[in-house]
PDB file of all heavy atoms in Angstrom:
ATOM      1  N   ASN A   1     111.124 101.047  77.255  1.00  0.00           N
ATOM      2  CA  ASN A   1     110.053 100.769  76.302  1.00  0.00           C
ATOM      3  C   ASN A   1     108.733 100.596  77.046  1.00  0.00           C
ATOM      4  O   ASN A   1     108.709 100.273  78.227  1.00  0.00           O
ATOM      5  CB  ASN A   1     110.361  99.513  75.473  1.00  0.00           C
ATOM      6  CG  ASN A   1     110.244  98.245  76.289  1.00  0.00           C
ATOM      7  OD1 ASN A   1     110.596  98.219  77.461  1.00  0.00           O
ATOM      8  ND2 ASN A   1     109.768  97.177  75.681  1.00  0.00           N
ATOM      9  N   ALA A   2     107.657 100.828  76.334  1.00  0.00           N
ATOM     10  CA  ALA A   2     106.321 100.689  76.915  1.00  0.00           C
ATOM     11  C   ALA A   2     105.730  99.357  76.466  1.00  0.00           C
ATOM     12  O   ALA A   2     105.322  99.200  75.319  1.00  0.00           O
ATOM     13  CB  ALA A   2     105.423 101.851  76.480  1.00  0.00           C
ATOM     14  N   THR A   3     105.739  98.377  77.356  1.00  0.00           N
ATOM     15  CA  THR A   3     105.190  97.064  77.044  1.00  0.00           C
ATOM     16  C   THR A   3     103.669  97.118  77.062  1.00  0.00           C
ATOM     17  O   THR A   3     103.067  97.639  77.998  1.00  0.00           O
ATOM     18  CB  THR A   3     105.679  96.026  78.066  1.00  0.00           C
ATOM     19  OG1 THR A   3     107.106  95.970  78.038  1.00  0.00           O
ATOM     20  CG2 THR A   3     105.118  94.640  77.737  1.00  0.00           C
ATOM     21  N   GLU A   4     103.054  96.573  76.027  1.00  0.00           N
ATOM     22  CA  GLU A   4     101.591  96.478  75.975  1.00  0.00           C
ATOM     23  C   GLU A   4     101.115  95.266  76.770  1.00  0.00           C
ATOM     24  O   GLU A   4     101.548  94.148  76.526  1.00  0.00           O
ATOM     25  CB  GLU A   4     101.110  96.319  74.525  1.00  0.00           C
ATOM     26  CG  GLU A   4     101.174  97.570  73.686  1.00  0.00           C
ATOM     27  CD  GLU A   4     100.444  97.381  72.356  1.00  0.00           C
ATOM     28  OE1 GLU A   4      99.903  96.278  72.107  1.00  0.00           O
ATOM     29  OE2 GLU A   4     100.419  98.336  71.564  1.00  0.00           O
ATOM     30  N   PHE A   5     100.219  95.492  77.708  1.00  0.00           N
ATOM     31  CA  PHE A   5      99.552  94.413  78.424  1.00  0.00           C
ATOM     32  C   PHE A   5      98.068  94.453  78.080  1.00  0.00           C
ATOM     33  O   PHE A   5      97.434  95.512  78.168  1.00  0.00           O
ATOM     34  CB  PHE A   5      99.753  94.553  79.934  1.00  0.00           C
ATOM     35  CG  PHE A   5     101.150  94.236  80.392  1.00  0.00           C
ATOM     36  CD1 PHE A   5     102.105  95.238  80.501  1.00  0.00           C
ATOM     37  CD2 PHE A   5     101.512  92.934  80.687  1.00  0.00           C
ATOM     38  CE1 PHE A   5     103.390  94.952  80.918  1.00  0.00           C
ATOM     39  CE2 PHE A   5     102.797  92.632  81.101  1.00  0.00           C
ATOM     40  CZ  PHE A   5     103.737  93.640  81.212  1.00  0.00           C
ATOM     41  N   TYR A   6      97.539  93.297  77.697  1.00  0.00           N
ATOM     42  CA  TYR A   6      96.134  93.231  77.296  1.00  0.00           C
ATOM     43  C   TYR A   6      95.238  93.076  78.519  1.00  0.00           C
ATOM     44  O   TYR A   6      95.468  92.187  79.357  1.00  0.00           O
ATOM     45  CB  TYR A   6      95.910  92.063  76.333  1.00  0.00           C
ATOM     46  CG  TYR A   6      94.548  92.074  75.699  1.00  0.00           C
ATOM     47  CD1 TYR A   6      94.202  93.054  74.776  1.00  0.00           C
ATOM     48  CD2 TYR A   6      93.597  91.101  76.013  1.00  0.00           C
ATOM     49  CE1 TYR A   6      92.948  93.078  74.187  1.00  0.00           C
ATOM     50  CE2 TYR A   6      92.347  91.121  75.425  1.00  0.00           C
ATOM     51  CZ  TYR A   6      92.027  92.109  74.511  1.00  0.00           C
ATOM     52  OH  TYR A   6      90.772  92.130  73.925  1.00  0.00           O
ATOM     53  N   ARG A   7      94.228  93.923  78.631  1.00  0.00           N
ATOM     54  CA  ARG A   7      93.339  93.913  79.790  1.00  0.00           C
ATOM     55  C   ARG A   7      91.930  93.461  79.451  1.00  0.00           C
ATOM     56  O   ARG A   7      91.024  93.561  80.276  1.00  0.00           O
ATOM     57  CB  ARG A   7      93.299  95.304  80.422  1.00  0.00           C
ATOM     58  CG  ARG A   7      94.662  95.840  80.881  1.00  0.00           C
ATOM     59  CD  ARG A   7      95.436  94.849  81.719  1.00  0.00           C
ATOM     60  NE  ARG A   7      96.655  95.410  82.287  1.00  0.00           N
ATOM     61  CZ  ARG A   7      97.655  94.685  82.743  1.00  0.00           C
ATOM     62  NH1 ARG A   7      97.596  93.360  82.692  1.00  0.00           N
ATOM     63  NH2 ARG A   7      98.731  95.260  83.251  1.00  0.00           N
ATOM     64  N   GLY A   8      91.724  92.977  78.234  1.00  0.00           N
ATOM     65  CA  GLY A   8      90.421  92.463  77.856  1.00  0.00           C
ATOM     66  C   GLY A   8      89.567  93.478  77.138  1.00  0.00           C
ATOM     67  O   GLY A   8      89.739  94.694  77.291  1.00  0.00           O
ATOM     68  N   GLN A   9      88.645  92.978  76.315  1.00  0.00           N
ATOM     69  CA  GLN A   9      87.689  93.818  75.593  1.00  0.00           C
ATOM     70  C   GLN A   9      88.381  94.902  74.763  1.00  0.00           C
ATOM     71  O   GLN A   9      87.911  96.030  74.674  1.00  0.00           O
ATOM     72  CB  GLN A   9      86.675  94.446  76.563  1.00  0.00           C
ATOM     73  CG  GLN A   9      85.854  93.413  77.316  1.00  0.00           C
ATOM     74  CD  GLN A   9      84.834  94.032  78.246  1.00  0.00           C
ATOM     75  OE1 GLN A   9      85.008  95.150  78.726  1.00  0.00           O
ATOM     76  NE2 GLN A   9      83.755  93.305  78.493  1.00  0.00           N
ATOM     77  N   GLY A  10      89.490  94.539  74.165  1.00  0.00           N
ATOM     78  CA  GLY A  10      90.208  95.451  73.286  1.00  0.00           C
ATOM     79  C   GLY A  10      91.022  96.509  73.985  1.00  0.00           C
ATOM     80  O   GLY A  10      91.594  97.383  73.326  1.00  0.00           O
ATOM     81  N   GLN A  11      91.127  96.452  75.316  1.00  0.00           N
ATOM     82  CA  GLN A  11      91.835  97.472  76.071  1.00  0.00           C
ATOM     83  C   GLN A  11      93.295  97.049  76.323  1.00  0.00           C
ATOM     84  O   GLN A  11      93.559  95.928  76.759  1.00  0.00           O
ATOM     85  CB  GLN A  11      91.147  97.730  77.411  1.00  0.00           C
ATOM     86  CG  GLN A  11      89.699  98.198  77.263  1.00  0.00           C
ATOM     87  CD  GLN A  11      89.596  99.479  76.448  1.00  0.00           C
ATOM     88  OE1 GLN A  11      90.272 100.472  76.747  1.00  0.00           O
ATOM     89  NE2 GLN A  11      88.758  99.461  75.434  1.00  0.00           N
ATOM     90  N   VAL A  12      94.217  97.979  76.055  1.00  0.00           N
ATOM     91  CA  VAL A  12      95.640  97.727  76.215  1.00  0.00           C
ATOM     92  C   VAL A  12      96.231  98.753  77.175  1.00  0.00           C
ATOM     93  O   VAL A  12      95.935  99.945  77.078  1.00  0.00           O
ATOM     94  CB  VAL A  12      96.367  97.800  74.852  1.00  0.00           C
ATOM     95  CG1 VAL A  12      97.874  97.716  75.033  1.00  0.00           C
ATOM     96  CG2 VAL A  12      95.886  96.682  73.929  1.00  0.00           C
ATOM     97  N   GLU A  13      97.039  98.286  78.119  1.00  0.00           N
ATOM     98  CA  GLU A  13      97.738  99.171  79.054  1.00  0.00           C
ATOM     99  C   GLU A  13      99.225  99.153  78.724  1.00  0.00           C
ATOM    100  O   GLU A  13      99.804  98.099  78.459  1.00  0.00           O
ATOM    101  CB  GLU A  13      97.529  98.703  80.491  1.00  0.00           C
ATOM    102  CG  GLU A  13      98.246  99.574  81.529  1.00  0.00           C
ATOM    103  CD  GLU A  13      98.117  99.023  82.933  1.00  0.00           C
ATOM    104  OE1 GLU A  13      97.560  97.921  83.091  1.00  0.00           O
ATOM    105  OE2 GLU A  13      98.581  99.702  83.870  1.00  0.00           O
ATOM    106  N   HIS A  14      99.873 100.326  78.746  1.00  0.00           N
ATOM    107  CA  HIS A  14     101.292 100.442  78.465  1.00  0.00           C
ATOM    108  C   HIS A  14     102.061 100.616  79.776  1.00  0.00           C
ATOM    109  O   HIS A  14     101.762 101.523  80.564  1.00  0.00           O
ATOM    110  CB  HIS A  14     101.576 101.611  77.523  1.00  0.00           C
ATOM    111  CG  HIS A  14     101.015 101.410  76.150  1.00  0.00           C
ATOM    112  ND1 HIS A  14      99.720 101.727  75.813  1.00  0.00           N
ATOM    113  CD2 HIS A  14     101.582 100.899  75.024  1.00  0.00           C
ATOM    114  CE1 HIS A  14      99.502 101.429  74.541  1.00  0.00           C
ATOM    115  NE2 HIS A  14     100.615 100.928  74.041  1.00  0.00           N
ATOM    116  N   VAL A  15     103.063  99.760  79.992  1.00  0.00           N
ATOM    117  CA  VAL A  15     103.849  99.775  81.217  1.00  0.00           C
ATOM    118  C   VAL A  15     105.327  99.706  80.853  1.00  0.00           C
ATOM    119  O   VAL A  15     105.735  98.788  80.129  1.00  0.00           O
ATOM    120  CB  VAL A  15     103.492  98.587  82.138  1.00  0.00           C
ATOM    121  CG1 VAL A  15     104.360  98.594  83.391  1.00  0.00           C
ATOM    122  CG2 VAL A  15     102.015  98.601  82.489  1.00  0.00           C
ATOM    123  N   ASP A  16     106.135 100.654  81.344  1.00  0.00           N
ATOM    124  CA  ASP A  16     107.571 100.581  81.113  1.00  0.00           C
ATOM    125  C   ASP A  16     108.181  99.668  82.175  1.00  0.00           C
ATOM    126  O   ASP A  16     108.802 100.105  83.140  1.00  0.00           O
ATOM    127  CB  ASP A  16     108.224 101.959  81.162  1.00  0.00           C
ATOM    128  CG  ASP A  16     109.620 101.946  80.548  1.00  0.00           C
ATOM    129  OD1 ASP A  16     110.308 100.913  80.685  1.00  0.00           O
ATOM    130  OD2 ASP A  16     110.021 102.933  79.920  1.00  0.00           O
ATOM    131  N   GLN A  17     107.954  98.381  81.980  1.00  0.00           N
ATOM    132  CA  GLN A  17     108.381  97.386  82.962  1.00  0.00           C
ATOM    133  C   GLN A  17     109.910  97.312  83.042  1.00  0.00           C
ATOM    134  O   GLN A  17     110.482  97.130  84.122  1.00  0.00           O
ATOM    135  CB  GLN A  17     107.798  96.027  82.568  1.00  0.00           C
ATOM    136  CG  GLN A  17     107.974  94.943  83.600  1.00  0.00           C
ATOM    137  CD  GLN A  17     107.324  93.651  83.161  1.00  0.00           C
ATOM    138  OE1 GLN A  17     107.641  93.107  82.109  1.00  0.00           O
ATOM    139  NE2 GLN A  17     106.394  93.146  83.964  1.00  0.00           N
ATOM    140  N   ARG A  18     110.571  97.494  81.900  1.00  0.00           N
ATOM    141  CA  ARG A  18     112.029  97.385  81.875  1.00  0.00           C
ATOM    142  C   ARG A  18     112.664  98.454  82.772  1.00  0.00           C
ATOM    143  O   ARG A  18     113.500  98.147  83.631  1.00  0.00           O
ATOM    144  CB  ARG A  18     112.525  97.520  80.434  1.00  0.00           C
ATOM    145  CG  ARG A  18     113.997  97.253  80.240  1.00  0.00           C
ATOM    146  CD  ARG A  18     114.345  97.355  78.767  1.00  0.00           C
ATOM    147  NE  ARG A  18     113.677  96.319  77.983  1.00  0.00           N
ATOM    148  CZ  ARG A  18     113.646  96.296  76.652  1.00  0.00           C
ATOM    149  NH1 ARG A  18     114.206  97.273  75.967  1.00  0.00           N
ATOM    150  NH2 ARG A  18     113.047  95.315  76.017  1.00  0.00           N
ATOM    151  N   THR A  19     112.258  99.708  82.594  1.00  0.00           N
ATOM    152  CA  THR A  19     112.823 100.775  83.416  1.00  0.00           C
ATOM    153  C   THR A  19     112.419 100.614  84.879  1.00  0.00           C
ATOM    154  O   THR A  19     113.220 100.873  85.791  1.00  0.00           O
ATOM    155  CB  THR A  19     112.367 102.147  82.893  1.00  0.00           C
ATOM    156  OG1 THR A  19     112.747 102.275  81.518  1.00  0.00           O
ATOM    157  CG2 THR A  19     113.007 103.279  83.681  1.00  0.00           C
ATOM    158  N   ALA A  20     111.200 100.166  85.118  1.00  0.00           N
ATOM    159  CA  ALA A  20     110.736  99.979  86.498  1.00  0.00           C
ATOM    160  C   ALA A  20     111.588  98.942  87.220  1.00  0.00           C
ATOM    161  O   ALA A  20     111.963  99.135  88.392  1.00  0.00           O
ATOM    162  CB  ALA A  20     109.266  99.565  86.499  1.00  0.00           C
ATOM    163  N   TRP A  21     111.904  97.834  86.554  1.00  0.00           N
ATOM    164  CA  TRP A  21     112.722  96.799  87.193  1.00  0.00           C
ATOM    165  C   TRP A  21     114.142  97.302  87.458  1.00  0.00           C
ATOM    166  O   TRP A  21     114.709  97.048  88.518  1.00  0.00           O
ATOM    167  CB  TRP A  21     112.744  95.548  86.322  1.00  0.00           C
ATOM    168  CG  TRP A  21     111.481  94.745  86.381  1.00  0.00           C
ATOM    169  CD1 TRP A  21     110.281  95.128  86.911  1.00  0.00           C
ATOM    170  CD2 TRP A  21     111.295  93.416  85.899  1.00  0.00           C
ATOM    171  NE1 TRP A  21     109.361  94.118  86.777  1.00  0.00           N
ATOM    172  CE2 TRP A  21     109.947  93.055  86.168  1.00  0.00           C
ATOM    173  CE3 TRP A  21     112.111  92.499  85.252  1.00  0.00           C
ATOM    174  CZ2 TRP A  21     109.425  91.817  85.817  1.00  0.00           C
ATOM    175  CZ3 TRP A  21     111.597  91.246  84.897  1.00  0.00           C
ATOM    176  CH2 TRP A  21     110.262  90.910  85.175  1.00  0.00           C
ATOM    177  N   ILE A  22     114.723  98.006  86.474  1.00  0.00           N
ATOM    178  CA  ILE A  22     116.071  98.532  86.663  1.00  0.00           C
ATOM    179  C   ILE A  22     116.090  99.523  87.832  1.00  0.00           C
ATOM    180  O   ILE A  22     116.997  99.500  88.672  1.00  0.00           O
ATOM    181  CB  ILE A  22     116.569  99.200  85.364  1.00  0.00           C
ATOM    182  CG1 ILE A  22     116.794  98.131  84.283  1.00  0.00           C
ATOM    183  CG2 ILE A  22     117.862  99.981  85.607  1.00  0.00           C
ATOM    184  CD1 ILE A  22     117.095  98.698  82.899  1.00  0.00           C
ATOM    185  N   ALA A  23     115.076 100.379  87.909  1.00  0.00           N
ATOM    186  CA  ALA A  23     115.010 101.355  89.003  1.00  0.00           C
ATOM    187  C   ALA A  23     114.900 100.660  90.357  1.00  0.00           C
ATOM    188  O   ALA A  23     115.524 101.084  91.341  1.00  0.00           O
ATOM    189  CB  ALA A  23     113.829 102.294  88.787  1.00  0.00           C
ATOM    190  N   GLU A  24     114.121  99.586  90.436  1.00  0.00           N
ATOM    191  CA  GLU A  24     114.002  98.850  91.694  1.00  0.00           C
ATOM    192  C   GLU A  24     115.344  98.303  92.143  1.00  0.00           C
ATOM    193  O   GLU A  24     115.731  98.421  93.312  1.00  0.00           O
ATOM    194  CB  GLU A  24     113.016  97.688  91.532  1.00  0.00           C
ATOM    195  CG  GLU A  24     111.567  98.027  91.779  1.00  0.00           C
ATOM    196  CD  GLU A  24     110.754  96.772  92.009  1.00  0.00           C
ATOM    197  OE1 GLU A  24     110.902  96.174  93.100  1.00  0.00           O
ATOM    198  OE2 GLU A  24     110.005  96.378  91.103  1.00  0.00           O
ATOM    199  N   VAL A  25     116.065  97.680  91.218  1.00  0.00           N
ATOM    200  CA  VAL A  25     117.340  97.070  91.578  1.00  0.00           C
ATOM    201  C   VAL A  25     118.344  98.132  92.006  1.00  0.00           C
ATOM    202  O   VAL A  25     119.000  98.015  93.052  1.00  0.00           O
ATOM    203  CB  VAL A  25     117.898  96.250  90.386  1.00  0.00           C
ATOM    204  CG1 VAL A  25     119.296  95.735  90.706  1.00  0.00           C
ATOM    205  CG2 VAL A  25     116.968  95.085  90.062  1.00  0.00           C
ATOM    206  N   VAL A  26     118.480  99.187  91.201  1.00  0.00           N
ATOM    207  CA  VAL A  26     119.493 100.206  91.462  1.00  0.00           C
ATOM    208  C   VAL A  26     119.190 100.976  92.749  1.00  0.00           C
ATOM    209  O   VAL A  26     120.101 101.253  93.558  1.00  0.00           O
ATOM    210  CB  VAL A  26     119.596 101.162  90.257  1.00  0.00           C
ATOM    211  CG1 VAL A  26     120.473 102.368  90.594  1.00  0.00           C
ATOM    212  CG2 VAL A  26     120.142 100.424  89.040  1.00  0.00           C
ATOM    213  N   ARG A  27     117.931 101.312  92.971  1.00  0.00           N
ATOM    214  CA  ARG A  27     117.592 102.219  94.065  1.00  0.00           C
ATOM    215  C   ARG A  27     117.179 101.516  95.361  1.00  0.00           C
ATOM    216  O   ARG A  27     117.331 102.085  96.441  1.00  0.00           O
ATOM    217  CB  ARG A  27     116.471 103.152  93.609  1.00  0.00           C
ATOM    218  CG  ARG A  27     116.912 104.077  92.480  1.00  0.00           C
ATOM    219  CD  ARG A  27     115.751 104.829  91.869  1.00  0.00           C
ATOM    220  NE  ARG A  27     116.222 105.726  90.800  1.00  0.00           N
ATOM    221  CZ  ARG A  27     115.421 106.405  89.982  1.00  0.00           C
ATOM    222  NH1 ARG A  27     114.084 106.303  90.133  1.00  0.00           N
ATOM    223  NH2 ARG A  27     115.922 107.183  89.044  1.00  0.00           N
ATOM    224  N   GLN A  28     116.673 100.299  95.250  1.00  0.00           N
ATOM    225  CA  GLN A  28     116.177  99.630  96.452  1.00  0.00           C
ATOM    226  C   GLN A  28     117.031  98.449  96.889  1.00  0.00           C
ATOM    227  O   GLN A  28     116.824  97.912  97.978  1.00  0.00           O
ATOM    228  CB  GLN A  28     114.733  99.161  96.224  1.00  0.00           C
ATOM    229  CG  GLN A  28     113.763 100.287  95.929  1.00  0.00           C
ATOM    230  CD  GLN A  28     112.342  99.786  95.721  1.00  0.00           C
ATOM    231  OE1 GLN A  28     111.893  98.853  96.387  1.00  0.00           O
ATOM    232  NE2 GLN A  28     111.617 100.411  94.803  1.00  0.00           N
ATOM    233  N   ALA A  29     117.977  98.036  96.052  1.00  0.00           N
ATOM    234  CA  ALA A  29     118.821  96.892  96.411  1.00  0.00           C
ATOM    235  C   ALA A  29     120.282  97.182  96.075  1.00  0.00           C
ATOM    236  O   ALA A  29     120.902  96.481  95.269  1.00  0.00           O
ATOM    237  CB  ALA A  29     118.339  95.632  95.694  1.00  0.00           C
ATOM    238  N   PRO A  30     120.863  98.228  96.673  1.00  0.00           N
ATOM    239  CA  PRO A  30     122.254  98.582  96.346  1.00  0.00           C
ATOM    240  C   PRO A  30     123.249  97.510  96.740  1.00  0.00           C
ATOM    241  O   PRO A  30     124.395  97.523  96.270  1.00  0.00           O
ATOM    242  CB  PRO A  30     122.473  99.884  97.137  1.00  0.00           C
ATOM    243  CG  PRO A  30     121.480  99.825  98.259  1.00  0.00           C
ATOM    244  CD  PRO A  30     120.278  99.128  97.683  1.00  0.00           C
ATOM    245  N   GLU A  31     122.835  96.558  97.568  1.00  0.00           N
ATOM    246  CA  GLU A  31     123.745  95.483  97.967  1.00  0.00           C
ATOM    247  C   GLU A  31     123.984  94.481  96.835  1.00  0.00           C
ATOM    248  O   GLU A  31     124.968  93.726  96.868  1.00  0.00           O
ATOM    249  CB  GLU A  31     123.201  94.754  99.199  1.00  0.00           C
ATOM    250  CG  GLU A  31     121.969  93.889  98.962  1.00  0.00           C
ATOM    251  CD  GLU A  31     120.658  94.682  98.919  1.00  0.00           C
ATOM    252  OE1 GLU A  31     120.712  95.925  98.994  1.00  0.00           O
ATOM    253  OE2 GLU A  31     119.587  94.047  98.824  1.00  0.00           O
ATOM    254  N   LEU A  32     123.116  94.486  95.828  1.00  0.00           N
ATOM    255  CA  LEU A  32     123.294  93.579  94.694  1.00  0.00           C
ATOM    256  C   LEU A  32     124.338  94.134  93.738  1.00  0.00           C
ATOM    257  O   LEU A  32     124.354  95.326  93.435  1.00  0.00           O
ATOM    258  CB  LEU A  32     121.960  93.392  93.951  1.00  0.00           C
ATOM    259  CG  LEU A  32     120.844  92.678  94.700  1.00  0.00           C
ATOM    260  CD1 LEU A  32     119.565  92.676  93.857  1.00  0.00           C
ATOM    261  CD2 LEU A  32     121.247  91.256  95.058  1.00  0.00           C
ATOM    262  N   LYS A  33     125.198  93.261  93.263  1.00  0.00           N
ATOM    263  CA  LYS A  33     126.155  93.645  92.225  1.00  0.00           C
ATOM    264  C   LYS A  33     125.415  93.622  90.891  1.00  0.00           C
ATOM    265  O   LYS A  33     125.024  92.556  90.399  1.00  0.00           O
ATOM    266  CB  LYS A  33     127.335  92.683  92.214  1.00  0.00           C
ATOM    267  CG  LYS A  33     128.178  92.723  93.481  1.00  0.00           C
ATOM    268  CD  LYS A  33     129.313  91.710  93.408  1.00  0.00           C
ATOM    269  CE  LYS A  33     130.139  91.737  94.686  1.00  0.00           C
ATOM    270  NZ  LYS A  33     131.222  90.708  94.652  1.00  0.00           N
ATOM    271  N   PHE A  34     125.237  94.810  90.331  1.00  0.00           N
ATOM    272  CA  PHE A  34     124.373  94.968  89.154  1.00  0.00           C
ATOM    273  C   PHE A  34     125.199  95.368  87.933  1.00  0.00           C
ATOM    274  O   PHE A  34     126.100  96.206  88.035  1.00  0.00           O
ATOM    275  CB  PHE A  34     123.312  96.031  89.432  1.00  0.00           C
ATOM    276  CG  PHE A  34     122.468  96.400  88.242  1.00  0.00           C
ATOM    277  CD1 PHE A  34     121.535  95.512  87.735  1.00  0.00           C
ATOM    278  CD2 PHE A  34     122.623  97.629  87.619  1.00  0.00           C
ATOM    279  CE1 PHE A  34     120.755  95.850  86.632  1.00  0.00           C
ATOM    280  CE2 PHE A  34     121.852  97.986  86.521  1.00  0.00           C
ATOM    281  CZ  PHE A  34     120.912  97.079  86.025  1.00  0.00           C
ATOM    282  N   TRP A  35     124.862  94.771  86.783  1.00  0.00           N
ATOM    283  CA  TRP A  35     125.465  95.179  85.509  1.00  0.00           C
ATOM    284  C   TRP A  35     124.347  95.566  84.544  1.00  0.00           C
ATOM    285  O   TRP A  35     123.351  94.846  84.428  1.00  0.00           O
ATOM    286  CB  TRP A  35     126.272  94.048  84.873  1.00  0.00           C
ATOM    287  CG  TRP A  35     126.906  94.466  83.560  1.00  0.00           C
ATOM    288  CD1 TRP A  35     128.118  95.062  83.398  1.00  0.00           C
ATOM    289  CD2 TRP A  35     126.345  94.336  82.252  1.00  0.00           C
ATOM    290  NE1 TRP A  35     128.369  95.318  82.065  1.00  0.00           N
ATOM    291  CE2 TRP A  35     127.282  94.888  81.337  1.00  0.00           C
ATOM    292  CE3 TRP A  35     125.153  93.817  81.758  1.00  0.00           C
ATOM    293  CZ2 TRP A  35     127.049  94.923  79.952  1.00  0.00           C
ATOM    294  CZ3 TRP A  35     124.920  93.867  80.381  1.00  0.00           C
ATOM    295  CH2 TRP A  35     125.864  94.412  79.496  1.00  0.00           C
ATOM    296  N   GLY A  36     124.532  96.696  83.853  1.00  0.00           N
ATOM    297  CA  GLY A  36     123.585  97.080  82.820  1.00  0.00           C
ATOM    298  C   GLY A  36     122.997  98.447  83.061  1.00  0.00           C
ATOM    299  O   GLY A  36     123.660  99.360  83.555  1.00  0.00           O
ATOM    300  N   GLY A  37     121.733  98.592  82.706  1.00  0.00           N
ATOM    301  CA  GLY A  37     121.040  99.864  82.803  1.00  0.00           C
ATOM    302  C   GLY A  37     120.265 100.143  81.543  1.00  0.00           C
ATOM    303  O   GLY A  37     120.098  99.276  80.678  1.00  0.00           O
ATOM    304  N   ILE A  38     119.769 101.363  81.424  1.00  0.00           N
ATOM    305  CA  ILE A  38     119.019 101.734  80.232  1.00  0.00           C
ATOM    306  C   ILE A  38     119.942 102.453  79.254  1.00  0.00           C
ATOM    307  O   ILE A  38     120.907 103.106  79.636  1.00  0.00           O
ATOM    308  CB  ILE A  38     117.795 102.616  80.574  1.00  0.00           C
ATOM    309  CG1 ILE A  38     118.218 103.915  81.292  1.00  0.00           C
ATOM    310  CG2 ILE A  38     116.798 101.831  81.411  1.00  0.00           C
ATOM    311  CD1 ILE A  38     117.071 104.862  81.528  1.00  0.00           C
ATOM    312  N   VAL A  39     119.641 102.299  77.978  1.00  0.00           N
ATOM    313  CA  VAL A  39     120.441 102.912  76.910  1.00  0.00           C
ATOM    314  C   VAL A  39     119.509 103.562  75.894  1.00  0.00           C
ATOM    315  O   VAL A  39     118.317 103.255  75.836  1.00  0.00           O
ATOM    316  CB  VAL A  39     121.326 101.860  76.199  1.00  0.00           C
ATOM    317  CG1 VAL A  39     122.349 101.275  77.157  1.00  0.00           C
ATOM    318  CG2 VAL A  39     120.476 100.747  75.581  1.00  0.00           C
ATOM    319  N   GLU A  40     120.071 104.458  75.107  1.00  0.00           N
ATOM    320  CA  GLU A  40     119.354 105.065  73.983  1.00  0.00           C
ATOM    321  C   GLU A  40     118.002 105.642  74.399  1.00  0.00           C
ATOM    322  O   GLU A  40     116.963 105.312  73.837  1.00  0.00           O
ATOM    323  CB  GLU A  40     119.161 104.049  72.855  1.00  0.00           C
ATOM    324  CG  GLU A  40     120.461 103.500  72.283  1.00  0.00           C
ATOM    325  CD  GLU A  40     120.214 102.478  71.192  1.00  0.00           C
ATOM    326  OE1 GLU A  40     119.138 102.496  70.574  1.00  0.00           O
ATOM    327  OE2 GLU A  40     121.115 101.647  70.964  1.00  0.00           O
ATOM    328  N   VAL A  41     118.036 106.500  75.385  1.00  0.00           N
ATOM    329  CA  VAL A  41     116.798 107.137  75.844  1.00  0.00           C
ATOM    330  C   VAL A  41     116.340 108.140  74.789  1.00  0.00           C
ATOM    331  O   VAL A  41     117.058 109.078  74.441  1.00  0.00           O
ATOM    332  CB  VAL A  41     117.001 107.847  77.187  1.00  0.00           C
ATOM    333  CG1 VAL A  41     115.699 108.481  77.646  1.00  0.00           C
ATOM    334  CG2 VAL A  41     117.529 106.867  78.232  1.00  0.00           C
ATOM    335  N   ASN A  42     115.152 107.948  74.271  1.00  0.00           N
ATOM    336  CA  ASN A  42     114.594 108.849  73.267  1.00  0.00           C
ATOM    337  C   ASN A  42     114.329 110.221  73.907  1.00  0.00           C
ATOM    338  O   ASN A  42     113.586 110.317  74.889  1.00  0.00           O
ATOM    339  CB  ASN A  42     113.291 108.257  72.720  1.00  0.00           C
ATOM    340  CG  ASN A  42     112.733 109.036  71.550  1.00  0.00           C
ATOM    341  OD1 ASN A  42     112.842 110.253  71.502  1.00  0.00           O
ATOM    342  ND2 ASN A  42     112.126 108.342  70.614  1.00  0.00           N
ATOM    343  N   PRO A  43     114.922 111.287  73.354  1.00  0.00           N
ATOM    344  CA  PRO A  43     114.738 112.615  73.968  1.00  0.00           C
ATOM    345  C   PRO A  43     113.279 113.030  74.075  1.00  0.00           C
ATOM    346  O   PRO A  43     112.901 113.738  75.021  1.00  0.00           O
ATOM    347  CB  PRO A  43     115.506 113.549  73.024  1.00  0.00           C
ATOM    348  CG  PRO A  43     116.513 112.681  72.341  1.00  0.00           C
ATOM    349  CD  PRO A  43     115.853 111.347  72.198  1.00  0.00           C
TER     350      PRO A  43
END
């Protein structure tokens, strides 16, 4: 999902923080025992 972050003066930035965090864990910390992932990816 694209989380809206408010940057002031009516400006909003969209960041897919959820996917970014999952990617960090899976790809940069394989030593961690991880459960989960992303689901229902909109085509």
